Amino acid sequence: MARTAVDRLFVMALVLAASLLPYAASAEAKELVILNSERWIDTLKGTVKNMSADRAEEIVIVVRFFGEAANQATPHKRKSASRRELGRQTVKLLPLDAGQEAPFEVEIAEQHRTATSFTFEPHAVWRAISRTRSGGR
């Protein structure tokens, strides 16, 4: 019976370790994550977070706008909605330290306002944070 309890604890420890792996990987992967976004008529608003352990500088978010292809068939014949890219816009942000979040806002250009969907591509220059120990050693 004691063996079964030890086995259960071992399995629980493995499950816990496996559940923490994505967080450890994302901290090493130097990534910016869009936490949320919403469209308000002609404006996109959202929040970006630095998931890395390093400082993100020169942050640029590329927004890609998509709409239905010009030769789209009548609405009742929707098999697979083919979409085409209408264009791109960028927004620049101030540097973000590790774990820091920042809001962003993009005014949608006139030629992109018919977009039915959009994607975000965050980019940054990464600076390692120096970690020195106190005590002079």
N, C-alpha and C. Protein backbone atom coordinates (compact mmCIF):
# COMPACT_ATOMS: atom_id res chain seq x y z
N MET A 1 0.82 -1.19 0.00
CA MET A 1 0.00 0.00 0.00
C MET A 1 0.86 1.26 0.00
N ALA A 2 1.99 1.22 0.73
CA ALA A 2 2.90 2.36 0.76
C ALA A 2 3.51 2.60 -0.61
N ARG A 3 3.75 1.53 -1.33
CA ARG A 3 4.31 1.63 -2.68
C ARG A 3 3.36 2.38 -3.61
N THR A 4 2.08 2.13 -3.49
CA THR A 4 1.08 2.80 -4.32
C THR A 4 1.06 4.30 -4.04
N ALA A 5 1.17 4.69 -2.78
CA ALA A 5 1.20 6.10 -2.41
C ALA A 5 2.44 6.78 -2.98
N VAL A 6 3.58 6.10 -2.94
CA VAL A 6 4.82 6.64 -3.50
C VAL A 6 4.68 6.79 -5.01
N ASP A 7 4.09 5.81 -5.65
CA ASP A 7 3.87 5.88 -7.10
C ASP A 7 2.96 7.05 -7.46
N ARG A 8 1.93 7.25 -6.68
CA ARG A 8 1.02 8.38 -6.94
C ARG A 8 1.74 9.71 -6.79
N LEU A 9 2.55 9.83 -5.74
CA LEU A 9 3.30 11.07 -5.55
C LEU A 9 4.27 11.30 -6.70
N PHE A 10 4.90 10.24 -7.17
CA PHE A 10 5.83 10.35 -8.29
C PHE A 10 5.10 10.82 -9.55
N VAL A 11 3.94 10.24 -9.82
CA VAL A 11 3.16 10.64 -10.99
C VAL A 11 2.71 12.09 -10.87
N MET A 12 2.28 12.49 -9.67
CA MET A 12 1.86 13.88 -9.46
C MET A 12 3.03 14.83 -9.68
N ALA A 13 4.21 14.46 -9.22
CA ALA A 13 5.39 15.30 -9.43
C ALA A 13 5.72 15.43 -10.91
N LEU A 14 5.60 14.33 -11.65
CA LEU A 14 5.84 14.37 -13.10
C LEU A 14 4.83 15.27 -13.80
N VAL A 15 3.58 15.17 -13.42
CA VAL A 15 2.53 16.01 -14.03
C VAL A 15 2.80 17.48 -13.74
N LEU A 16 3.17 17.79 -12.51
CA LEU A 16 3.48 19.16 -12.14
C LEU A 16 4.67 19.68 -12.93
N ALA A 17 5.71 18.89 -13.04
CA ALA A 17 6.89 19.30 -13.80
C ALA A 17 6.54 19.53 -15.26
N ALA A 18 5.74 18.65 -15.83
CA ALA A 18 5.35 18.79 -17.23
C ALA A 18 4.48 20.02 -17.44
N SER A 19 3.66 20.37 -16.47
CA SER A 19 2.80 21.54 -16.62
C SER A 19 3.60 22.84 -16.54
N LEU A 20 4.76 22.81 -15.90
CA LEU A 20 5.59 24.01 -15.79
C LEU A 20 6.51 24.20 -16.99
N LEU A 21 6.70 23.19 -17.80
CA LEU A 21 7.60 23.29 -18.95
C LEU A 21 7.25 24.42 -19.92
N PRO A 22 5.99 24.62 -20.30
CA PRO A 22 5.71 25.71 -21.24
C PRO A 22 6.12 27.07 -20.70
N TYR A 23 5.97 27.30 -19.39
CA TYR A 23 6.35 28.58 -18.82
C TYR A 23 7.86 28.77 -18.85
N ALA A 24 8.61 27.73 -18.55
CA ALA A 24 10.07 27.82 -18.61
C ALA A 24 10.52 28.03 -20.05
N ALA A 25 9.89 27.36 -20.98
CA ALA A 25 10.27 27.50 -22.39
C ALA A 25 9.95 28.89 -22.90
N SER A 26 8.82 29.45 -22.51
CA SER A 26 8.46 30.77 -23.01
C SER A 26 9.39 31.83 -22.45
N ALA A 27 9.89 31.65 -21.23
CA ALA A 27 10.81 32.63 -20.67
C ALA A 27 12.14 32.60 -21.40
N GLU A 28 12.53 31.46 -21.92
CA GLU A 28 13.78 31.33 -22.66
C GLU A 28 13.63 31.73 -24.12
N ALA A 29 12.42 31.72 -24.63
CA ALA A 29 12.18 31.88 -26.06
C ALA A 29 12.20 33.33 -26.53
N LYS A 30 12.39 34.28 -25.65
CA LYS A 30 12.39 35.69 -26.01
C LYS A 30 11.16 36.03 -26.84
N GLU A 31 10.02 35.97 -26.22
CA GLU A 31 8.83 36.26 -26.99
C GLU A 31 7.97 37.34 -26.37
N LEU A 32 7.32 38.05 -27.26
CA LEU A 32 6.30 39.02 -26.89
C LEU A 32 4.96 38.38 -27.21
N VAL A 33 4.02 38.50 -26.30
CA VAL A 33 2.72 37.87 -26.47
C VAL A 33 1.64 38.94 -26.46
N ILE A 34 0.72 38.86 -27.42
CA ILE A 34 -0.43 39.74 -27.43
C ILE A 34 -1.46 39.11 -26.48
N LEU A 35 -1.72 39.77 -25.35
CA LEU A 35 -2.63 39.21 -24.36
C LEU A 35 -4.09 39.36 -24.77
N ASN A 36 -4.42 40.50 -25.35
CA ASN A 36 -5.79 40.73 -25.81
C ASN A 36 -5.79 41.79 -26.90
N SER A 37 -6.85 41.80 -27.67
CA SER A 37 -7.01 42.83 -28.69
C SER A 37 -8.49 42.97 -29.00
N GLU A 38 -8.86 44.16 -29.43
CA GLU A 38 -10.23 44.41 -29.83
C GLU A 38 -10.26 45.52 -30.86
N ARG A 39 -11.32 45.50 -31.66
CA ARG A 39 -11.48 46.50 -32.71
C ARG A 39 -12.62 47.43 -32.32
N TRP A 40 -12.34 48.71 -32.39
CA TRP A 40 -13.35 49.74 -32.15
C TRP A 40 -13.46 50.57 -33.43
N ILE A 41 -14.40 50.25 -34.28
CA ILE A 41 -14.68 50.93 -35.54
C ILE A 41 -13.41 51.05 -36.39
N ASP A 42 -12.62 52.10 -36.19
CA ASP A 42 -11.42 52.30 -37.00
C ASP A 42 -10.13 52.25 -36.18
N THR A 43 -10.18 51.58 -35.03
CA THR A 43 -9.01 51.49 -34.15
C THR A 43 -8.88 50.07 -33.60
N LEU A 44 -7.65 49.58 -33.56
CA LEU A 44 -7.33 48.32 -32.88
C LEU A 44 -6.61 48.66 -31.58
N LYS A 45 -7.06 48.06 -30.49
CA LYS A 45 -6.43 48.26 -29.19
C LYS A 45 -6.05 46.91 -28.63
N GLY A 46 -4.96 46.88 -27.88
CA GLY A 46 -4.55 45.61 -27.29
C GLY A 46 -3.50 45.80 -26.22
N THR A 47 -3.02 44.67 -25.70
CA THR A 47 -1.98 44.66 -24.68
C THR A 47 -0.93 43.63 -25.07
N VAL A 48 0.34 44.02 -24.97
CA VAL A 48 1.45 43.11 -25.26
C VAL A 48 2.23 42.89 -23.97
N LYS A 49 2.77 41.67 -23.81
CA LYS A 49 3.55 41.34 -22.61
C LYS A 49 4.87 40.70 -23.02
N ASN A 50 5.94 41.10 -22.33
CA ASN A 50 7.26 40.52 -22.52
C ASN A 50 7.35 39.26 -21.65
N MET A 51 7.33 38.09 -22.28
CA MET A 51 7.38 36.82 -21.56
C MET A 51 8.82 36.35 -21.32
N SER A 52 9.78 37.09 -21.83
CA SER A 52 11.18 36.71 -21.73
C SER A 52 11.78 37.16 -20.40
N ALA A 53 12.94 36.64 -20.10
CA ALA A 53 13.69 37.09 -18.93
C ALA A 53 14.58 38.28 -19.28
N ASP A 54 14.62 38.65 -20.56
CA ASP A 54 15.44 39.76 -21.03
C ASP A 54 14.58 40.98 -21.34
N ARG A 55 15.25 42.12 -21.51
CA ARG A 55 14.58 43.37 -21.83
C ARG A 55 14.32 43.43 -23.34
N ALA A 56 13.11 43.81 -23.72
CA ALA A 56 12.74 43.97 -25.13
C ALA A 56 12.80 45.46 -25.48
N GLU A 57 13.62 45.78 -26.47
CA GLU A 57 13.76 47.17 -26.92
C GLU A 57 13.36 47.27 -28.38
N GLU A 58 13.14 48.49 -28.83
CA GLU A 58 12.75 48.75 -30.22
C GLU A 58 11.61 47.83 -30.65
N ILE A 59 10.57 47.80 -29.85
CA ILE A 59 9.42 46.92 -30.11
C ILE A 59 8.58 47.47 -31.25
N VAL A 60 8.29 46.62 -32.20
CA VAL A 60 7.42 46.96 -33.33
C VAL A 60 6.40 45.84 -33.47
N ILE A 61 5.13 46.21 -33.54
CA ILE A 61 4.07 45.24 -33.79
C ILE A 61 3.57 45.48 -35.20
N VAL A 62 3.68 44.45 -36.04
CA VAL A 62 3.17 44.52 -37.42
C VAL A 62 1.76 43.94 -37.40
N VAL A 63 0.80 44.74 -37.86
CA VAL A 63 -0.59 44.28 -37.94
C VAL A 63 -0.88 43.98 -39.40
N ARG A 64 -1.31 42.76 -39.67
CA ARG A 64 -1.68 42.34 -41.03
C ARG A 64 -3.20 42.28 -41.12
N PHE A 65 -3.76 42.97 -42.11
CA PHE A 65 -5.21 43.02 -42.29
C PHE A 65 -5.62 42.10 -43.43
N PHE A 66 -6.69 41.35 -43.21
CA PHE A 66 -7.19 40.40 -44.21
C PHE A 66 -8.66 40.67 -44.49
N GLY A 67 -9.05 40.45 -45.76
CA GLY A 67 -10.44 40.57 -46.16
C GLY A 67 -10.75 39.53 -47.20
N GLU A 68 -12.01 39.47 -47.60
CA GLU A 68 -12.40 38.49 -48.60
C GLU A 68 -11.85 38.88 -49.96
N ALA A 69 -11.51 37.87 -50.75
CA ALA A 69 -10.97 38.12 -52.09
C ALA A 69 -12.01 38.84 -52.93
N ALA A 70 -11.56 39.66 -53.85
CA ALA A 70 -12.45 40.47 -54.68
C ALA A 70 -13.36 39.62 -55.55
N ASN A 71 -12.92 38.44 -55.97
CA ASN A 71 -13.73 37.59 -56.83
C ASN A 71 -14.55 36.58 -56.03
N GLN A 72 -14.84 36.90 -54.78
CA GLN A 72 -15.60 36.00 -53.91
C GLN A 72 -16.98 35.75 -54.50
N ALA A 73 -17.43 34.51 -54.44
CA ALA A 73 -18.76 34.15 -54.95
C ALA A 73 -19.84 34.75 -54.06
N THR A 74 -21.08 34.53 -54.43
CA THR A 74 -22.19 35.07 -53.66
C THR A 74 -22.15 34.52 -52.24
N PRO A 75 -22.68 35.27 -51.27
CA PRO A 75 -22.57 34.88 -49.87
C PRO A 75 -23.15 33.50 -49.54
N HIS A 76 -24.17 33.04 -50.26
CA HIS A 76 -24.77 31.75 -49.91
C HIS A 76 -23.94 30.56 -50.40
N LYS A 77 -22.88 30.81 -51.17
CA LYS A 77 -22.01 29.74 -51.65
C LYS A 77 -20.68 29.75 -50.90
N ARG A 78 -20.72 29.79 -49.60
CA ARG A 78 -19.49 29.84 -48.80
C ARG A 78 -18.97 28.45 -48.55
N LYS A 79 -18.04 28.02 -49.34
CA LYS A 79 -17.38 26.73 -49.09
C LYS A 79 -16.19 26.98 -48.18
N SER A 80 -15.23 27.70 -48.68
CA SER A 80 -14.10 28.11 -47.85
C SER A 80 -13.81 29.55 -48.19
N ALA A 81 -13.89 30.38 -47.19
CA ALA A 81 -13.70 31.80 -47.41
C ALA A 81 -12.24 32.07 -47.73
N SER A 82 -11.97 32.37 -49.00
CA SER A 82 -10.59 32.71 -49.36
C SER A 82 -10.37 34.15 -48.95
N ARG A 83 -9.28 34.37 -48.28
CA ARG A 83 -9.02 35.73 -47.84
C ARG A 83 -7.70 36.19 -48.42
N ARG A 84 -7.60 37.45 -48.57
CA ARG A 84 -6.37 38.02 -49.10
C ARG A 84 -5.90 39.11 -48.14
N GLU A 85 -4.61 39.34 -48.18
CA GLU A 85 -4.06 40.38 -47.31
C GLU A 85 -4.36 41.73 -47.93
N LEU A 86 -4.97 42.61 -47.14
CA LEU A 86 -5.29 43.96 -47.60
C LEU A 86 -4.11 44.91 -47.39
N GLY A 87 -3.27 44.60 -46.43
CA GLY A 87 -2.12 45.46 -46.16
C GLY A 87 -1.61 45.27 -44.75
N ARG A 88 -0.60 46.09 -44.42
CA ARG A 88 0.04 46.02 -43.10
C ARG A 88 0.22 47.42 -42.54
N GLN A 89 0.20 47.49 -41.23
CA GLN A 89 0.53 48.72 -40.53
C GLN A 89 1.40 48.34 -39.34
N THR A 90 2.16 49.29 -38.85
CA THR A 90 3.03 49.02 -37.70
C THR A 90 2.76 50.02 -36.58
N VAL A 91 3.08 49.59 -35.39
CA VAL A 91 3.04 50.46 -34.22
C VAL A 91 4.30 50.21 -33.42
N LYS A 92 4.94 51.28 -32.94
CA LYS A 92 6.16 51.16 -32.15
C LYS A 92 5.83 51.39 -30.68
N LEU A 93 6.52 50.63 -29.82
CA LEU A 93 6.29 50.73 -28.38
C LEU A 93 7.60 51.03 -27.66
N LEU A 94 7.46 51.52 -26.44
CA LEU A 94 8.62 51.75 -25.59
C LEU A 94 9.17 50.40 -25.11
N PRO A 95 10.43 50.36 -24.65
CA PRO A 95 11.02 49.10 -24.17
C PRO A 95 10.21 48.49 -23.02
N LEU A 96 10.25 47.17 -22.94
CA LEU A 96 9.57 46.43 -21.88
C LEU A 96 10.57 45.55 -21.14
N ASP A 97 10.58 45.66 -19.82
CA ASP A 97 11.40 44.77 -19.01
C ASP A 97 10.72 43.41 -18.92
N ALA A 98 11.42 42.44 -18.39
CA ALA A 98 10.89 41.08 -18.25
C ALA A 98 9.57 41.10 -17.48
N GLY A 99 8.54 40.46 -18.05
CA GLY A 99 7.24 40.37 -17.40
C GLY A 99 6.37 41.60 -17.50
N GLN A 100 6.87 42.66 -18.08
CA GLN A 100 6.13 43.91 -18.16
C GLN A 100 5.11 43.89 -19.30
N GLU A 101 3.98 44.59 -19.11
CA GLU A 101 2.93 44.70 -20.12
C GLU A 101 2.80 46.15 -20.56
N ALA A 102 2.27 46.34 -21.78
CA ALA A 102 2.03 47.69 -22.28
C ALA A 102 0.84 47.68 -23.23
N PRO A 103 0.02 48.73 -23.18
CA PRO A 103 -1.09 48.82 -24.14
C PRO A 103 -0.57 49.35 -25.47
N PHE A 104 -1.28 49.02 -26.54
CA PHE A 104 -0.96 49.59 -27.85
C PHE A 104 -2.25 49.92 -28.57
N GLU A 105 -2.14 50.81 -29.55
CA GLU A 105 -3.30 51.25 -30.31
C GLU A 105 -2.88 51.56 -31.74
N VAL A 106 -3.68 51.10 -32.69
CA VAL A 106 -3.39 51.33 -34.11
C VAL A 106 -4.64 51.92 -34.75
N GLU A 107 -4.50 53.09 -35.35
CA GLU A 107 -5.62 53.65 -36.11
C GLU A 107 -5.61 52.97 -37.48
N ILE A 108 -6.72 52.34 -37.82
CA ILE A 108 -6.80 51.56 -39.06
C ILE A 108 -6.90 52.52 -40.25
N ALA A 109 -5.98 52.36 -41.20
CA ALA A 109 -5.98 53.20 -42.40
C ALA A 109 -7.24 52.92 -43.23
N GLU A 110 -7.65 53.90 -44.00
CA GLU A 110 -8.88 53.81 -44.80
C GLU A 110 -8.92 52.55 -45.67
N GLN A 111 -7.82 52.22 -46.33
CA GLN A 111 -7.81 51.06 -47.23
C GLN A 111 -7.89 49.72 -46.50
N HIS A 112 -7.72 49.71 -45.17
CA HIS A 112 -7.77 48.47 -44.40
C HIS A 112 -9.06 48.31 -43.60
N ARG A 113 -9.95 49.28 -43.68
CA ARG A 113 -11.15 49.26 -42.83
C ARG A 113 -12.16 48.19 -43.21
N THR A 114 -12.06 47.64 -44.40
CA THR A 114 -12.98 46.56 -44.79
C THR A 114 -12.48 45.20 -44.30
N ALA A 115 -11.37 45.18 -43.61
CA ALA A 115 -10.79 43.91 -43.13
C ALA A 115 -11.77 43.17 -42.23
N THR A 116 -11.82 41.87 -42.43
CA THR A 116 -12.67 41.01 -41.59
C THR A 116 -11.86 40.31 -40.50
N SER A 117 -10.54 40.31 -40.65
CA SER A 117 -9.67 39.72 -39.63
C SER A 117 -8.30 40.37 -39.68
N PHE A 118 -7.53 40.14 -38.65
CA PHE A 118 -6.19 40.71 -38.57
C PHE A 118 -5.32 39.81 -37.71
N THR A 119 -4.00 39.91 -37.91
CA THR A 119 -3.04 39.17 -37.09
C THR A 119 -1.97 40.13 -36.61
N PHE A 120 -1.29 39.76 -35.54
CA PHE A 120 -0.23 40.57 -34.97
C PHE A 120 1.09 39.81 -35.05
N GLU A 121 2.15 40.51 -35.41
CA GLU A 121 3.50 39.95 -35.42
C GLU A 121 4.41 40.88 -34.62
N PRO A 122 4.59 40.61 -33.32
CA PRO A 122 5.47 41.46 -32.52
C PRO A 122 6.94 41.13 -32.74
N HIS A 123 7.77 42.16 -32.83
CA HIS A 123 9.21 42.01 -33.03
C HIS A 123 9.93 42.93 -32.04
N ALA A 124 11.15 42.55 -31.64
CA ALA A 124 11.93 43.37 -30.72
C ALA A 124 13.41 43.05 -30.83
N VAL A 125 14.22 43.97 -30.34
CA VAL A 125 15.65 43.74 -30.14
C VAL A 125 15.80 43.38 -28.67
N TRP A 126 16.52 42.30 -28.41
CA TRP A 126 16.62 41.77 -27.04
C TRP A 126 17.95 42.13 -26.40
N ARG A 127 17.87 42.61 -25.15
CA ARG A 127 19.06 42.94 -24.36
C ARG A 127 19.06 42.08 -23.11
N ALA A 128 20.13 41.32 -22.92
CA ALA A 128 20.24 40.48 -21.72
C ALA A 128 20.42 41.38 -20.51
N ILE A 129 19.73 41.03 -19.45
CA ILE A 129 19.85 41.77 -18.20
C ILE A 129 21.03 41.18 -17.45
N SER A 130 21.99 42.05 -17.07
CA SER A 130 23.17 41.53 -16.35
C SER A 130 22.77 41.21 -14.92
N ARG A 131 23.16 40.04 -14.50
CA ARG A 131 22.82 39.58 -13.15
C ARG A 131 24.13 39.42 -12.37
N THR A 132 24.48 40.43 -11.61
CA THR A 132 25.71 40.37 -10.82
C THR A 132 25.36 40.11 -9.37
N ARG A 133 26.23 39.36 -8.71
CA ARG A 133 26.01 39.06 -7.30
C ARG A 133 26.64 40.14 -6.46
N SER A 134 25.97 40.49 -5.37
CA SER A 134 26.54 41.48 -4.47
C SER A 134 27.62 40.82 -3.61
N GLY A 135 28.51 41.61 -3.10
CA GLY A 135 29.57 41.07 -2.26
C GLY A 135 30.91 41.08 -2.96
N GLY A 136 30.96 41.48 -4.22
CA GLY A 136 32.21 41.62 -4.93
C GLY A 136 32.87 40.33 -5.34
N ARG A 137 32.23 39.21 -5.32
CA ARG A 137 32.86 37.94 -5.69
C ARG A 137 32.62 37.61 -7.11
